[in-house]
Protein backbone atom coordinates (compact mmCIF):
# COMPACT_ATOMS: atom_id res chain seq x y z
CA MET A 1 -66.47 -29.43 1.28
CA LYS A 2 -63.41 -29.89 -1.15
CA PHE A 3 -60.65 -32.62 -0.41
CA LYS A 4 -57.93 -29.92 -1.03
CA THR A 5 -59.78 -28.00 1.80
CA ARG A 6 -59.86 -31.10 3.93
CA LEU A 7 -56.35 -32.04 3.45
CA LEU A 8 -55.22 -28.31 4.84
CA ILE A 9 -57.72 -28.53 7.74
CA THR A 10 -56.25 -31.75 8.59
CA PHE A 11 -53.06 -30.96 8.57
CA LEU A 12 -53.47 -27.81 10.52
CA THR A 13 -55.42 -30.01 12.89
CA ILE A 14 -52.75 -32.46 13.33
CA VAL A 15 -50.10 -30.00 14.02
CA LEU A 16 -51.25 -26.92 15.81
CA LEU A 17 -54.35 -29.03 17.77
CA PRO A 18 -51.71 -31.31 19.59
CA LEU A 19 -48.82 -28.54 20.12
CA VAL A 20 -52.01 -26.40 21.63
CA LEU A 21 -53.19 -28.94 23.61
CA THR A 22 -49.91 -29.85 25.51
CA ALA A 23 -49.16 -26.86 26.28
CA VAL A 24 -52.27 -26.31 27.97
CA ALA A 25 -51.78 -29.95 29.79
CA PHE A 26 -48.41 -28.30 30.47
CA PHE A 27 -49.47 -25.53 32.56
CA SER A 28 -52.82 -27.30 33.87
CA ILE A 29 -50.50 -30.12 35.78
CA GLY A 30 -48.06 -27.78 36.36
CA GLY A 31 -50.19 -25.48 38.06
CA TYR A 32 -52.03 -28.37 39.43
CA LEU A 33 -48.67 -29.72 41.35
CA LEU A 34 -47.54 -26.34 42.03
CA ASN A 35 -50.90 -25.71 44.14
CA ALA A 36 -51.01 -29.28 45.50
CA GLU A 37 -47.72 -29.20 47.45
CA ARG A 38 -48.38 -25.23 48.15
CA GLU A 39 -44.33 -25.17 47.63
CA PHE A 40 -43.84 -22.05 46.08
CA GLY A 41 -46.46 -19.56 47.15
CA MET A 42 -49.02 -17.23 45.67
CA VAL A 43 -46.37 -15.04 44.71
CA TYR A 44 -44.91 -17.87 42.27
CA SER A 45 -48.10 -19.13 41.43
CA ASP A 46 -47.64 -17.32 37.76
CA TYR A 47 -45.32 -19.83 36.64
CA ASP A 48 -42.23 -17.69 36.97
CA MET A 49 -40.52 -21.14 38.44
CA LEU A 50 -41.16 -22.87 35.28
CA SER A 51 -38.71 -20.74 33.01
CA ASP A 52 -36.19 -20.60 35.88
CA PRO A 53 -36.65 -22.92 38.61
CA MET A 54 -33.29 -22.16 40.29
CA HIS A 55 -33.60 -18.22 40.74
CA GLY A 56 -37.38 -18.57 41.79
CA PHE A 57 -35.50 -20.84 44.81
CA GLU A 58 -33.04 -18.61 45.82
CA GLN A 59 -35.48 -15.68 45.34
CA ILE A 60 -38.22 -17.72 48.24
CA SER A 61 -34.71 -17.35 51.00
CA GLU A 62 -32.97 -14.50 49.59
CA GLU A 63 -36.35 -12.21 50.84
CA MET A 64 -36.24 -13.75 53.75
CA LEU A 65 -32.65 -13.52 54.28
CA GLU A 66 -32.97 -9.83 53.68
CA GLU A 67 -35.47 -9.42 56.56
CA VAL A 68 -33.04 -11.30 59.08
CA GLN A 69 -30.39 -8.47 58.15
CA GLY A 70 -32.42 -5.65 58.47
CA GLN A 71 -33.85 -6.83 61.94
CA ILE A 72 -29.75 -7.68 63.12
CA ALA A 73 -29.32 -3.92 61.74
CA LEU A 74 -32.06 -2.50 63.93
CA ASP A 75 -32.10 -4.64 66.76
CA ALA A 76 -29.18 -7.60 66.87
CA ALA A 77 -30.65 -8.74 70.26
CA ARG A 78 -34.08 -9.84 68.87
CA ILE A 79 -32.23 -12.90 66.73
CA GLU A 80 -31.82 -14.60 70.21
CA ASP A 81 -35.62 -14.41 70.54
CA LYS A 82 -36.81 -17.94 69.72
CA LYS A 83 -40.81 -16.94 69.76
CA TYR A 84 -39.66 -14.17 66.81
CA LEU A 85 -37.46 -16.98 65.28
CA ALA A 86 -40.50 -19.19 65.07
CA GLY A 87 -42.17 -16.72 63.57
CA LEU A 88 -40.17 -16.03 61.02
CA ASN A 89 -40.28 -19.80 60.76
CA GLU A 90 -44.00 -20.03 60.31
CA ARG A 91 -44.02 -17.22 56.74
CA ILE A 92 -41.86 -19.62 55.26
CA VAL A 93 -42.76 -23.22 56.15
CA ASP A 94 -45.64 -23.35 53.64
CA LYS A 95 -42.60 -22.16 50.98
CA ALA A 96 -40.76 -25.57 51.72
CA SER A 97 -38.26 -23.32 53.83
CA TYR A 98 -37.06 -23.29 57.70
CA ILE A 99 -34.50 -21.77 59.34
CA ILE A 100 -31.70 -23.02 61.55
CA VAL A 101 -29.97 -20.59 64.13
CA ARG A 102 -26.53 -21.94 65.02
CA LYS A 103 -24.50 -21.15 68.71
CA GLY A 104 -20.89 -21.80 68.64
CA ARG A 105 -21.57 -25.81 67.11
CA ASN A 106 -24.66 -26.59 68.78
CA ILE A 107 -28.08 -25.74 67.11
CA TYR A 108 -29.93 -22.75 68.83
CA TYR A 109 -33.33 -22.67 67.07
CA THR A 110 -34.56 -24.95 63.87
CA GLY A 111 -37.98 -24.96 62.39
CA ASN A 112 -37.54 -28.46 61.44
CA GLU A 113 -35.83 -30.66 63.79
CA GLU A 114 -36.20 -33.90 61.98
CA ALA A 115 -34.61 -31.74 58.60
CA ALA A 116 -32.10 -30.27 60.59
CA GLY A 117 -30.08 -32.87 61.88
CA LYS A 118 -29.56 -34.22 58.53
CA ILE A 119 -28.27 -31.07 57.20
CA PHE A 120 -26.81 -29.56 60.45
CA ASN A 121 -23.11 -31.44 59.91
CA HIS A 122 -22.97 -30.40 56.54
CA LEU A 123 -23.49 -26.67 57.26
CA PRO A 124 -20.70 -24.28 56.53
CA GLN A 125 -18.66 -22.54 59.41
CA TYR A 126 -18.58 -19.79 60.55
CA GLY A 127 -17.17 -17.34 58.17
CA ASN A 128 -17.38 -19.03 55.06
CA LEU A 129 -19.40 -16.99 53.64
CA GLY A 130 -17.04 -16.28 50.56
CA SER A 131 -17.92 -13.39 48.62
CA GLY A 132 -20.36 -11.95 51.33
CA SER A 133 -23.16 -12.48 53.50
CA GLY A 134 -25.96 -14.17 52.26
CA THR A 135 -24.04 -16.58 50.18
CA SER A 136 -25.72 -19.81 48.18
CA TYR A 137 -24.66 -23.26 48.99
CA TYR A 138 -26.57 -26.17 47.08
CA TYR A 139 -26.60 -30.03 48.65
CA ASP A 140 -27.38 -31.88 45.63
CA ASN A 141 -27.37 -34.91 47.30
CA MET A 142 -29.98 -33.61 49.92
CA SER A 143 -31.73 -31.34 47.33
CA LYS A 144 -31.49 -28.55 49.34
CA LEU A 145 -30.56 -24.92 48.80
CA VAL A 146 -29.20 -23.05 51.89
CA LYS A 147 -28.63 -19.00 52.81
CA GLN A 148 -26.35 -18.11 55.47
CA LEU A 149 -25.94 -15.40 57.72
CA ASP A 150 -23.25 -14.95 59.98
CA PHE A 151 -23.55 -12.90 63.25
CA ARG A 152 -22.34 -12.48 66.57
CA PHE A 153 -24.70 -13.28 69.74
CA ARG A 154 -24.61 -10.70 72.86
CA ASP A 155 -22.50 -12.99 74.79
CA GLY A 156 -19.62 -12.81 71.96
CA SER A 157 -20.94 -16.41 70.91
CA GLU A 158 -20.25 -17.46 66.80
CA GLY A 159 -24.10 -17.43 65.46
CA SER A 160 -24.88 -18.42 62.07
CA ILE A 161 -28.42 -18.04 60.58
CA PHE A 162 -29.50 -20.47 57.92
CA ILE A 163 -32.46 -20.47 55.71
CA VAL A 164 -32.76 -23.77 53.92
CA THR A 165 -35.36 -24.19 51.30
CA LYS A 166 -36.47 -28.00 49.67
CA VAL A 167 -35.54 -27.76 46.36
CA LYS A 168 -37.65 -29.75 44.24
CA SER A 169 -37.33 -29.77 39.81
CA LEU A 170 -40.48 -28.59 38.36
CA ILE A 171 -39.67 -31.40 35.96
CA SER A 172 -40.21 -34.19 38.10
CA LYS A 173 -41.00 -37.95 37.59
CA GLN A 174 -44.76 -36.94 38.48
CA LEU A 175 -45.07 -34.37 36.38
CA LEU A 176 -43.09 -36.43 33.28
CA VAL A 177 -45.70 -39.37 33.87
CA ASP A 178 -48.28 -37.06 33.82
CA MET A 179 -47.64 -35.00 30.71
CA PHE A 180 -46.96 -38.69 29.08
CA ILE A 181 -50.45 -39.56 30.22
CA ALA A 182 -51.41 -36.53 28.48
CA ILE A 183 -49.75 -36.09 25.07
CA VAL A 184 -51.14 -39.73 24.82
CA VAL A 185 -54.30 -38.55 25.74
CA ILE A 186 -54.15 -35.47 23.34
CA LEU A 187 -52.78 -37.37 20.87
CA VAL A 188 -55.66 -40.25 20.85
CA PHE A 189 -58.42 -37.39 21.11
CA THR A 190 -57.01 -36.08 17.59
CA SER A 191 -56.92 -39.03 16.46
CA LEU A 192 -60.54 -39.92 17.17
CA MET A 193 -61.49 -36.45 16.15
CA LEU A 194 -60.09 -36.31 12.65
CA THR A 195 -60.72 -40.07 11.73
CA ARG A 196 -64.28 -39.50 12.69
CA TRP A 197 -64.30 -36.29 10.73
CA ILE A 198 -63.26 -37.85 8.05
CA SER A 199 -65.19 -40.89 8.16
CA MET A 200 -68.15 -38.92 8.22
CA GLY A 201 -66.93 -36.14 5.30
CA VAL A 202 -65.51 -38.98 2.92
CA PHE A 203 -65.69 -42.87 4.08
CA LEU A 204 -69.20 -42.77 4.97
CA PRO A 205 -70.08 -41.19 1.54
CA VAL A 206 -68.00 -43.13 -0.71
CA ASN A 207 -70.14 -46.50 1.38
CA GLN A 208 -72.94 -45.15 0.15
CA LEU A 209 -71.74 -44.39 -3.16
CA ASN A 210 -70.58 -48.25 -3.26
CA THR A 211 -73.83 -49.43 -1.93
CA ALA A 212 -75.36 -47.54 -4.63
CA MET A 213 -73.15 -48.79 -7.33
CA LYS A 214 -73.92 -52.47 -6.00
CA HIS A 215 -77.83 -51.81 -6.32
CA ILE A 216 -77.00 -50.23 -10.30
CA ALA A 217 -75.01 -53.58 -10.89
CA GLY A 218 -77.97 -55.61 -9.33
CA GLY A 219 -80.80 -53.88 -11.90
CA ASN A 220 -82.11 -51.28 -9.50
CA LEU A 221 -82.36 -48.21 -10.87
CA GLU A 222 -84.63 -46.73 -8.67
CA TYR A 223 -81.76 -45.85 -6.01
CA ILE A 224 -81.63 -42.52 -5.40
CA LEU A 225 -78.72 -40.45 -3.31
CA HIS A 226 -79.35 -37.37 -2.25
CA THR A 227 -76.70 -34.37 -0.91
CA ASP A 228 -76.43 -30.98 -0.58
CA ASN A 229 -72.31 -31.12 -0.19
CA LYS A 230 -70.80 -28.68 -2.43
CA GLY A 231 -67.57 -30.48 -2.83
CA GLU A 232 -66.21 -33.32 -5.10
CA ILE A 233 -68.31 -35.84 -2.86
CA GLY A 234 -71.42 -34.11 -4.04
CA GLU A 235 -70.46 -33.27 -7.52
CA LEU A 236 -69.58 -37.35 -7.41
CA TYR A 237 -73.19 -37.77 -5.79
CA ARG A 238 -75.05 -35.74 -8.84
CA ASN A 239 -73.22 -37.43 -11.28
CA TYR A 240 -74.24 -40.46 -9.90
CA GLU A 241 -77.75 -39.51 -10.12
CA ASP A 242 -77.01 -38.24 -13.87
CA MET A 243 -75.52 -41.77 -14.43
CA ARG A 244 -78.46 -43.51 -12.70
CA LEU A 245 -81.22 -41.51 -14.81
CA ARG A 246 -79.96 -41.76 -18.22
CA LEU A 247 -79.35 -45.64 -17.50
CA LYS A 248 -82.99 -45.65 -16.27
CA GLU A 249 -84.13 -43.78 -19.41
CA SER A 250 -81.64 -45.99 -21.74
CA THR A 251 -83.41 -49.34 -19.73
CA ASP A 252 -87.04 -48.09 -20.13
CA GLU A 253 -86.88 -47.16 -23.61
CA LYS A 254 -84.98 -50.70 -24.16
CA PHE A 255 -87.89 -52.25 -23.01
CA GLN A 256 -90.17 -49.85 -24.67
CA HIS A 257 -88.11 -50.69 -27.72
CA GLU A 258 -88.22 -54.46 -27.24
CA ALA A 259 -91.87 -54.39 -26.32
CA GLN A 260 -92.36 -52.42 -29.83
CA ASN A 261 -90.31 -55.05 -31.86
CA ARG A 262 -92.55 -57.84 -30.28
CA GLU A 263 -95.43 -55.93 -31.54
CA LEU A 264 -94.22 -55.10 -34.82
CA ILE A 265 -93.50 -58.84 -35.24
CA SER A 266 -96.87 -59.84 -34.38
CA ASN A 267 -98.64 -57.05 -36.74
CA ILE A 268 -95.96 -58.28 -39.42
CA SER A 269 -97.07 -61.47 -39.20
CA HIS A 270 -100.31 -61.48 -38.85
CA ASP A 271 -100.68 -58.93 -41.98
CA LEU A 272 -98.67 -61.22 -43.88
CA LYS A 273 -100.44 -64.38 -42.94
CA THR A 274 -103.69 -62.96 -44.77
CA PRO A 275 -102.20 -62.32 -47.94
CA ILE A 276 -100.17 -65.48 -47.79
CA THR A 277 -103.19 -67.60 -46.99
CA ALA A 278 -104.85 -66.03 -49.53
CA ILE A 279 -102.41 -66.52 -52.53
CA LYS A 280 -102.18 -69.89 -51.30
CA GLY A 281 -106.00 -70.46 -51.60
CA TYR A 282 -106.55 -68.85 -55.33
CA VAL A 283 -102.87 -70.91 -56.34
CA GLU A 284 -104.87 -74.13 -54.73
CA GLY A 285 -107.92 -73.35 -57.18
CA ILE A 286 -105.87 -72.66 -60.23
CA MET A 287 -104.29 -76.06 -59.51
CA ASP A 288 -107.22 -77.70 -58.65
CA GLY A 289 -108.82 -76.29 -61.90
CA VAL A 290 -111.48 -74.60 -60.05
CA ALA A 291 -110.23 -71.43 -62.33
CA ASP A 292 -112.20 -73.19 -65.41
CA THR A 293 -112.81 -69.59 -67.49
CA PRO A 294 -110.75 -67.31 -68.80
CA GLU A 295 -112.25 -64.62 -66.16
CA LYS A 296 -111.98 -66.61 -63.33
CA MET A 297 -108.51 -67.03 -64.41
CA ASP A 298 -107.86 -63.71 -64.63
CA LYS A 299 -109.47 -62.83 -61.52
CA TYR A 300 -107.54 -65.28 -59.45
CA ILE A 301 -104.10 -63.63 -61.37
CA LYS A 302 -105.16 -60.26 -60.30
CA THR A 303 -106.22 -61.07 -56.45
CA ILE A 304 -102.78 -62.95 -56.48
CA TYR A 305 -100.63 -60.11 -58.14
CA ASN A 306 -102.87 -57.48 -55.35
CA LYS A 307 -102.11 -59.89 -52.54
CA ALA A 308 -98.20 -59.93 -53.12
CA ASN A 309 -98.62 -56.06 -53.35
CA ASP A 310 -99.88 -55.52 -49.86
CA MET A 311 -96.62 -57.77 -48.90
CA ASP A 312 -94.08 -56.02 -50.58
CA ARG A 313 -95.65 -53.00 -49.05
CA LEU A 314 -95.58 -54.52 -45.42
CA ILE A 315 -92.21 -55.61 -46.33
CA ASN A 316 -90.70 -52.14 -47.20
CA GLU A 317 -92.46 -50.42 -44.20
CA LEU A 318 -90.49 -52.75 -42.12
CA THR A 319 -87.58 -51.71 -44.26
CA ILE A 320 -88.26 -48.09 -43.46
CA TYR A 321 -89.04 -48.60 -39.91
CA SER A 322 -85.42 -50.78 -39.59
CA GLY A 323 -84.08 -47.39 -40.97
CA ILE A 324 -85.71 -45.06 -38.73
CA ASP A 325 -84.72 -47.45 -35.55
CA ASN A 326 -81.24 -46.52 -36.40
CA ASN A 327 -81.31 -43.36 -38.26
CA ARG A 328 -79.94 -44.67 -41.51
CA ILE A 329 -83.03 -43.61 -43.78
CA PRO A 330 -80.97 -42.83 -46.68
CA TYR A 331 -81.86 -39.22 -48.20
CA HIS A 332 -80.85 -37.61 -51.60
CA PHE A 333 -81.89 -34.06 -51.43
CA HIS A 334 -82.63 -32.12 -54.46
CA ARG A 335 -84.46 -28.48 -55.46
CA ILE A 336 -87.68 -29.57 -56.37
CA ASN A 337 -90.31 -27.46 -57.86
CA VAL A 338 -93.63 -27.90 -56.06
CA ALA A 339 -95.87 -27.63 -58.58
CA ASP A 340 -94.52 -29.92 -61.02
CA TYR A 341 -93.43 -32.53 -58.51
CA PHE A 342 -97.25 -32.50 -56.54
CA GLY A 343 -98.74 -32.45 -60.29
CA ASP A 344 -97.18 -35.71 -60.99
CA CYS A 345 -97.84 -36.89 -57.71
CA VAL A 346 -101.42 -36.53 -58.34
CA GLU A 347 -101.37 -37.95 -61.63
CA GLU A 348 -99.87 -41.32 -60.50
CA VAL A 349 -102.14 -41.35 -57.05
CA GLY A 350 -105.41 -40.31 -58.98
CA LEU A 351 -105.31 -43.41 -61.34
CA ASP A 352 -105.48 -45.74 -58.26
CA LEU A 353 -108.06 -43.89 -56.62
CA GLU A 354 -110.28 -43.98 -59.67
CA SER A 355 -110.28 -47.88 -59.95
CA LYS A 356 -111.21 -47.56 -55.91
CA ASN A 357 -114.20 -45.23 -56.74
CA ILE A 358 -113.03 -42.09 -54.86
CA GLU A 359 -112.48 -38.94 -55.96
CA LEU A 360 -109.33 -36.95 -55.81
CA ASN A 361 -109.56 -33.00 -55.74
CA TYR A 362 -106.18 -30.86 -55.77
CA SER A 363 -105.29 -27.42 -55.69
CA ASN A 364 -102.35 -25.94 -55.99
CA LEU A 365 -102.42 -21.81 -54.28
CA VAL A 366 -98.58 -21.36 -54.82
CA SER A 367 -96.67 -19.59 -57.47
CA PRO A 368 -95.10 -21.43 -60.28
CA ASP A 369 -91.87 -21.30 -59.35
CA THR A 370 -92.01 -21.93 -55.86
CA VAL A 371 -88.65 -24.40 -54.98
CA ILE A 372 -88.58 -26.66 -51.79
CA ILE A 373 -85.32 -28.63 -50.73
CA ALA A 374 -86.39 -32.43 -50.51
CA ASP A 375 -86.16 -36.19 -51.02
CA PRO A 376 -88.72 -37.06 -53.73
CA GLU A 377 -88.91 -40.64 -52.92
CA GLN A 378 -89.21 -40.10 -49.67
CA VAL A 379 -91.88 -37.07 -50.13
CA LYS A 380 -93.70 -39.22 -52.30
CA ARG A 381 -94.07 -42.00 -49.56
CA VAL A 382 -95.30 -39.44 -47.14
CA ILE A 383 -97.74 -38.66 -49.76
CA ASN A 384 -98.52 -42.40 -50.31
CA ASN A 385 -98.80 -43.74 -46.55
CA ILE A 386 -101.22 -40.67 -45.72
CA ILE A 387 -103.57 -41.53 -48.73
CA GLY A 388 -103.19 -44.94 -48.06
CA ASN A 389 -104.46 -44.80 -44.52
CA SER A 390 -107.39 -42.65 -45.81
CA VAL A 391 -108.34 -45.60 -48.46
CA LYS A 392 -107.79 -47.85 -45.71
CA TYR A 393 -110.91 -46.22 -43.36
CA MET A 394 -112.80 -44.18 -45.69
CA GLU A 395 -115.82 -46.32 -45.36
CA LYS A 396 -117.72 -44.43 -47.07
CA GLU A 397 -119.74 -45.27 -50.51
CA LYS A 398 -118.45 -42.24 -52.40
CA GLY A 399 -114.90 -41.69 -51.48
CA ILE A 400 -113.52 -38.07 -51.61
CA ILE A 401 -109.83 -36.84 -50.45
CA ASP A 402 -108.77 -33.55 -51.48
CA ILE A 403 -104.82 -32.56 -51.69
CA ARG A 404 -104.19 -28.75 -51.22
CA ILE A 405 -100.69 -26.94 -51.60
CA LEU A 406 -101.06 -23.45 -49.73
CA ASP A 407 -98.53 -20.61 -49.54
CA GLU A 408 -97.10 -19.35 -46.48
CA VAL A 409 -95.14 -16.85 -47.17
CA ASP A 410 -91.84 -18.62 -46.27
CA SER A 411 -93.01 -22.09 -46.44
CA ILE A 412 -95.72 -24.36 -48.17
CA ARG A 413 -98.29 -26.27 -46.32
CA VAL A 414 -99.41 -29.63 -48.11
CA GLU A 415 -103.27 -30.48 -46.77
CA ILE A 416 -104.50 -34.06 -47.48
CA GLU A 417 -108.48 -34.24 -46.11
CA ASP A 418 -110.60 -37.04 -46.70
CA ASN A 419 -114.44 -37.71 -45.70
CA GLY A 420 -113.77 -40.94 -44.11
CA LYS A 421 -114.83 -42.32 -40.47
CA GLY A 422 -112.30 -39.55 -39.05
CA ILE A 423 -110.26 -39.73 -35.49
CA ALA A 424 -111.81 -39.52 -32.15
CA ALA A 425 -110.28 -36.64 -30.18
CA LYS A 426 -108.73 -38.86 -27.40
CA ASP A 427 -106.87 -40.71 -30.28
CA LEU A 428 -105.76 -37.49 -32.47
CA PRO A 429 -102.72 -36.52 -30.06
CA ASN A 430 -101.34 -40.15 -30.65
CA VAL A 431 -101.90 -41.11 -34.08
CA PHE A 432 -98.16 -40.26 -35.40
CA GLU A 433 -96.44 -42.80 -32.17
CA ARG A 434 -95.04 -46.02 -33.44
CA PHE A 435 -97.68 -49.42 -33.46
CA TYR A 436 -100.42 -46.86 -31.88
CA ARG A 437 -103.92 -48.17 -34.01
CA THR A 438 -107.08 -46.49 -33.27
CA ASP A 439 -108.39 -49.85 -34.10
CA ALA A 440 -106.40 -52.05 -31.47
CA SER A 441 -108.42 -55.41 -32.44
CA ARG A 442 -105.94 -57.25 -34.34
CA ASN A 443 -109.40 -59.13 -36.24
CA SER A 444 -109.87 -56.11 -37.64
CA SER A 445 -109.73 -56.29 -41.28
CA LYS A 446 -108.34 -53.44 -42.02
CA GLY A 447 -104.78 -54.94 -41.21
CA GLY A 448 -101.32 -52.53 -41.34
CA SER A 449 -98.08 -52.83 -39.62
CA GLY A 450 -99.59 -49.53 -36.78
CA ILE A 451 -95.98 -47.49 -38.20
CA GLY A 452 -97.11 -45.61 -41.38
CA LEU A 453 -97.97 -42.57 -39.74
CA SER A 454 -94.69 -42.45 -37.69
CA ILE A 455 -92.63 -43.14 -40.21
CA VAL A 456 -94.38 -40.01 -42.17
CA LYS A 457 -93.58 -38.13 -39.44
CA LYS A 458 -90.15 -38.78 -39.14
CA ILE A 459 -89.72 -37.88 -43.28
CA VAL A 460 -91.12 -34.76 -42.53
CA GLU A 461 -88.90 -33.68 -39.92
CA ASP A 462 -85.99 -34.75 -41.11
CA HIS A 463 -86.59 -32.47 -43.92
CA GLY A 464 -86.99 -29.49 -41.35
CA GLY A 465 -90.74 -29.49 -41.51
CA TYR A 466 -93.39 -30.53 -38.80
CA ILE A 467 -97.05 -32.15 -39.10
CA TRP A 468 -99.93 -32.47 -37.54
CA ALA A 469 -103.59 -33.69 -37.75
CA THR A 470 -107.28 -32.30 -37.48
CA SER A 471 -110.29 -34.55 -37.66
CA LYS A 472 -113.91 -35.26 -36.92
CA GLU A 473 -115.66 -38.25 -35.88
CA GLY A 474 -118.01 -39.03 -38.83
CA GLU A 475 -116.85 -36.30 -41.08
CA GLY A 476 -113.05 -36.80 -42.07
CA THR A 477 -109.35 -36.19 -41.02
CA CYS A 478 -107.00 -33.78 -42.54
CA LEU A 479 -103.26 -33.89 -42.16
CA HIS A 480 -101.31 -31.12 -42.45
CA PHE A 481 -97.60 -30.79 -42.80
CA VAL A 482 -94.90 -27.64 -43.69
CA PHE A 483 -91.98 -27.55 -45.61
CA ARG A 484 -89.50 -24.69 -46.02
CA LYS A 485 -89.67 -22.99 -49.43
CA TYR A 486 -85.68 -22.58 -50.76
CA VAL A 487 -84.82 -19.19 -51.72
CA GLU A 488 -81.78 -18.92 -53.82
CA THR A 489 -79.57 -15.79 -52.39
CA LYS A 490 -78.66 -13.02 -55.00
CA GLU A 491 -75.18 -11.43 -55.26
């Protein structure tokens, strides 16, 4: 749920829920008090007296008074019947009312002698009806409402009938206390309900996220947060998960990179140690006079030169690897004629292969005007690295390397195939990975940093091409890479 929706619900709950519950409590407590004391009878149990209590009290005595007036009109003598009066009193006693009948200055009948004794001397005299019969008198200090009706007994004595009603305000002390307690309970209930709701919906997720962030700060990138929430909290959880996965990926890459760097340093150190040891040995031989003939001297110097070239090649690979790792290989793209460029490359490589007793075959099946966009130096590095690998793992008395340029309609495919020992099927998918060596033994005489083909793959892909390898063990390996042709747009 979104925070905006939560705030709206919270606002409406704070405003409406206490009002509704307070109204329910007021009517419930009022009804309980009405029914508990049975002061007003069933006719008034619909809360009429909550809105106009004085009118309700007057109506109680007014109904009885009208009945008495009707009886006097029919048979005045019946008013003198105390059994009849007792029956009237019985009907109103459960309505907090009772009857007083006065004859002259004395009480002729009363339904509540104790209460009548307190109020009798305060009752109005005969004939003090004001505007007419049934006039009401309210005795505030006694909380009594009195209805008076004058008549005469059969002997001519003055008589008055009073209907006395106990006036008890519904807004009583008990009601106020009960309502105060109810309001406090309602507010506490509302507060607890909202607090729990907000705690479960906001504070609990925030605490969980805080715990997760502490795990992240401590280096634990495996702490996962799950949620089905669609609001801001859910989005925050999902952002945390994205951050965690990216950090984990970055950390894994960092550890892998550090491991690769350590392996590279180990490889380069090992591969540099071999030519340095050889150079040192041959130099010592020259210094000690071991090369005492021109032929030996020439051999020693050539060997030193070749070992120095091996060192230079390793250092260049390390430099290129550093550029690949930081995406800072300098490219200088030009339009290159395929036939001319690869013809020159083959001629240059052929001289070196001839000295190593390796046959080089070259065929170009593309049209003479085919052009590609490429960096000549980097493409030459691709060719030299592939051929260098072929020579390194040739292990044949008569080595053969074939270079073929094939036409692929809108691109060209270059194939460099040898008749070396080949690559096992399980190793073939990994040959372009950094530091991967099919010969894992560092005692191998082949040496190498293990990054040559990864450099090749990077350069080819940076040219918009792609590369793959096919091989059969014992028969040889073929490297294929593709470059898109350059087509000049005509107006």
